[in-house]
Amino acid sequence: MAPEGLRLDPELFRTLRYYGRISLDLLAGPLLGLALGRHLSQRFALSPLWMALGFLAGAGFSFFGVYRLMTTEIFRDWHKSGGKKEK
């Protein structure tokens, strides 16, 4: 049981989940793209150019995922505030 006065803030966990997802997206996407590009280069005896293309494709998908996550969060906060513009 938590001591008196100490409570867990659900907003803290939401923020940690948000930043954790961003860091995981930015790390996993390029690594998976690099691994796929390396596999294609070795399997079909192609140039290492495919590794670079795989890395760039993974990075692109990662940044798109982060963009989508951020726009979803911004829209949710905007909707929660009643659609009012803040100055």
C-alpha atoms as a PDB file:
ATOM      1  CA  MET A   1       0.000   0.000   0.000  1.00  0.00           C
ATOM      2  CA  ALA A   2       1.290   3.473  -0.862  1.00  0.00           C
ATOM      3  CA  PRO A   3       2.204   5.781   2.026  1.00  0.00           C
ATOM      4  CA  GLU A   4      -0.136   8.618   2.903  1.00  0.00           C
ATOM      5  CA  GLY A   5       0.241  11.510   0.475  1.00  0.00           C
ATOM      6  CA  LEU A   6       2.101   9.480  -2.162  1.00  0.00           C
ATOM      7  CA  ARG A   7       0.032   8.470  -5.159  1.00  0.00           C
ATOM      8  CA  LEU A   8       0.832   7.382  -8.659  1.00  0.00           C
ATOM      9  CA  ASP A   9      -0.094   9.888 -11.317  1.00  0.00           C
ATOM     10  CA  PRO A  10      -1.672   8.315 -14.422  1.00  0.00           C
ATOM     11  CA  GLU A  11      -0.465  11.273 -16.485  1.00  0.00           C
ATOM     12  CA  LEU A  12       3.111  10.321 -15.612  1.00  0.00           C
ATOM     13  CA  PHE A  13       2.603   6.795 -16.955  1.00  0.00           C
ATOM     14  CA  ARG A  14       0.985   8.163 -20.119  1.00  0.00           C
ATOM     15  CA  THR A  15       3.976  10.451 -20.666  1.00  0.00           C
ATOM     16  CA  LEU A  16       6.472   7.654 -20.057  1.00  0.00           C
ATOM     17  CA  ARG A  17       4.593   5.421 -22.500  1.00  0.00           C
ATOM     18  CA  TYR A  18       4.594   8.215 -25.083  1.00  0.00           C
ATOM     19  CA  TYR A  19       8.346   8.864 -24.908  1.00  0.00           C
ATOM     20  CA  GLY A  20       9.124   5.165 -24.658  1.00  0.00           C
ATOM     21  CA  ARG A  21       7.199   4.494 -27.838  1.00  0.00           C
ATOM     22  CA  ILE A  22       8.999   7.305 -29.662  1.00  0.00           C
ATOM     23  CA  SER A  23      12.421   5.993 -28.659  1.00  0.00           C
ATOM     24  CA  LEU A  24      11.486   2.427 -29.540  1.00  0.00           C
ATOM     25  CA  ASP A  25      10.179   3.499 -32.941  1.00  0.00           C
ATOM     26  CA  LEU A  26      13.312   5.498 -33.715  1.00  0.00           C
ATOM     27  CA  LEU A  27      15.559   2.613 -32.692  1.00  0.00           C
ATOM     28  CA  ALA A  28      13.745  -0.440 -34.038  1.00  0.00           C
ATOM     29  CA  GLY A  29      12.774   0.862 -37.492  1.00  0.00           C
ATOM     30  CA  PRO A  30      16.243   1.581 -38.838  1.00  0.00           C
ATOM     31  CA  LEU A  31      17.679  -1.565 -37.231  1.00  0.00           C
ATOM     32  CA  LEU A  32      15.024  -3.772 -38.806  1.00  0.00           C
ATOM     33  CA  GLY A  33      15.483  -2.031 -42.159  1.00  0.00           C
ATOM     34  CA  LEU A  34      19.233  -2.525 -41.930  1.00  0.00           C
ATOM     35  CA  ALA A  35      18.802  -6.206 -41.063  1.00  0.00           C
ATOM     36  CA  LEU A  36      16.387  -6.735 -43.948  1.00  0.00           C
ATOM     37  CA  GLY A  37      18.708  -4.923 -46.356  1.00  0.00           C
ATOM     38  CA  ARG A  38      21.677  -6.983 -45.170  1.00  0.00           C
ATOM     39  CA  HIS A  39      19.704 -10.185 -45.594  1.00  0.00           C
ATOM     40  CA  LEU A  40      18.702  -9.224 -49.133  1.00  0.00           C
ATOM     41  CA  SER A  41      22.283  -8.267 -49.992  1.00  0.00           C
ATOM     42  CA  GLN A  42      23.652 -11.591 -48.779  1.00  0.00           C
ATOM     43  CA  ARG A  43      20.879 -13.804 -50.091  1.00  0.00           C
ATOM     44  CA  PHE A  44      20.857 -12.469 -53.630  1.00  0.00           C
ATOM     45  CA  ALA A  45      24.554 -11.482 -53.738  1.00  0.00           C
ATOM     46  CA  LEU A  46      23.701  -7.858 -54.319  1.00  0.00           C
ATOM     47  CA  SER A  47      25.730  -4.803 -53.493  1.00  0.00           C
ATOM     48  CA  PRO A  48      25.720  -3.298 -49.988  1.00  0.00           C
ATOM     49  CA  LEU A  49      23.562  -0.542 -51.413  1.00  0.00           C
ATOM     50  CA  TRP A  50      20.545  -2.559 -50.272  1.00  0.00           C
ATOM     51  CA  MET A  51      21.686  -2.237 -46.669  1.00  0.00           C
ATOM     52  CA  ALA A  52      21.699   1.532 -46.993  1.00  0.00           C
ATOM     53  CA  LEU A  53      18.309   1.520 -48.704  1.00  0.00           C
ATOM     54  CA  GLY A  54      16.895  -0.746 -45.990  1.00  0.00           C
ATOM     55  CA  PHE A  55      18.226   1.570 -43.296  1.00  0.00           C
ATOM     56  CA  LEU A  56      16.735   4.635 -44.977  1.00  0.00           C
ATOM     57  CA  ALA A  57      13.385   2.909 -45.510  1.00  0.00           C
ATOM     58  CA  GLY A  58      13.309   1.845 -41.847  1.00  0.00           C
ATOM     59  CA  ALA A  59      14.182   5.364 -40.734  1.00  0.00           C
ATOM     60  CA  GLY A  60      11.449   6.781 -42.967  1.00  0.00           C
ATOM     61  CA  PHE A  61       8.837   4.425 -41.582  1.00  0.00           C
ATOM     62  CA  SER A  62      10.000   5.239 -38.050  1.00  0.00           C
ATOM     63  CA  PHE A  63       9.674   8.974 -38.549  1.00  0.00           C
ATOM     64  CA  PHE A  64       6.250   8.485 -40.107  1.00  0.00           C
ATOM     65  CA  GLY A  65       5.203   6.444 -37.064  1.00  0.00           C
ATOM     66  CA  VAL A  66       6.440   9.166 -34.719  1.00  0.00           C
ATOM     67  CA  TYR A  67       4.620  11.811 -36.784  1.00  0.00           C
ATOM     68  CA  ARG A  68       1.402   9.806 -36.603  1.00  0.00           C
ATOM     69  CA  LEU A  69       1.791   9.306 -32.850  1.00  0.00           C
ATOM     70  CA  MET A  70       2.418  13.009 -32.268  1.00  0.00           C
ATOM     71  CA  THR A  71      -0.543  14.149 -34.351  1.00  0.00           C
ATOM     72  CA  THR A  72      -2.780  11.685 -32.499  1.00  0.00           C
ATOM     73  CA  GLU A  73      -1.607  13.034 -29.130  1.00  0.00           C
ATOM     74  CA  ILE A  74      -1.990  16.650 -30.238  1.00  0.00           C
ATOM     75  CA  PHE A  75      -5.502  15.979 -31.523  1.00  0.00           C
ATOM     76  CA  ARG A  76      -6.429  14.180 -28.291  1.00  0.00           C
ATOM     77  CA  ASP A  77      -5.162  17.079 -26.152  1.00  0.00           C
ATOM     78  CA  TRP A  78      -6.951  19.581 -28.396  1.00  0.00           C
ATOM     79  CA  HIS A  79     -10.159  17.573 -28.194  1.00  0.00           C
ATOM     80  CA  LYS A  80      -9.823  17.243 -24.409  1.00  0.00           C
ATOM     81  CA  SER A  81      -9.498  21.032 -24.052  1.00  0.00           C
ATOM     82  CA  GLY A  82     -12.767  21.497 -25.937  1.00  0.00           C
ATOM     83  CA  GLY A  83     -11.209  22.585 -29.213  1.00  0.00           C
ATOM     84  CA  LYS A  84     -10.158  25.963 -27.840  1.00  0.00           C
ATOM     85  CA  LYS A  85      -7.111  27.674 -29.214  1.00  0.00           C
ATOM     86  CA  GLU A  86      -4.498  28.477 -26.581  1.00  0.00           C
ATOM     87  CA  LYS A  87      -2.349  31.587 -26.887  1.00  0.00           C
END
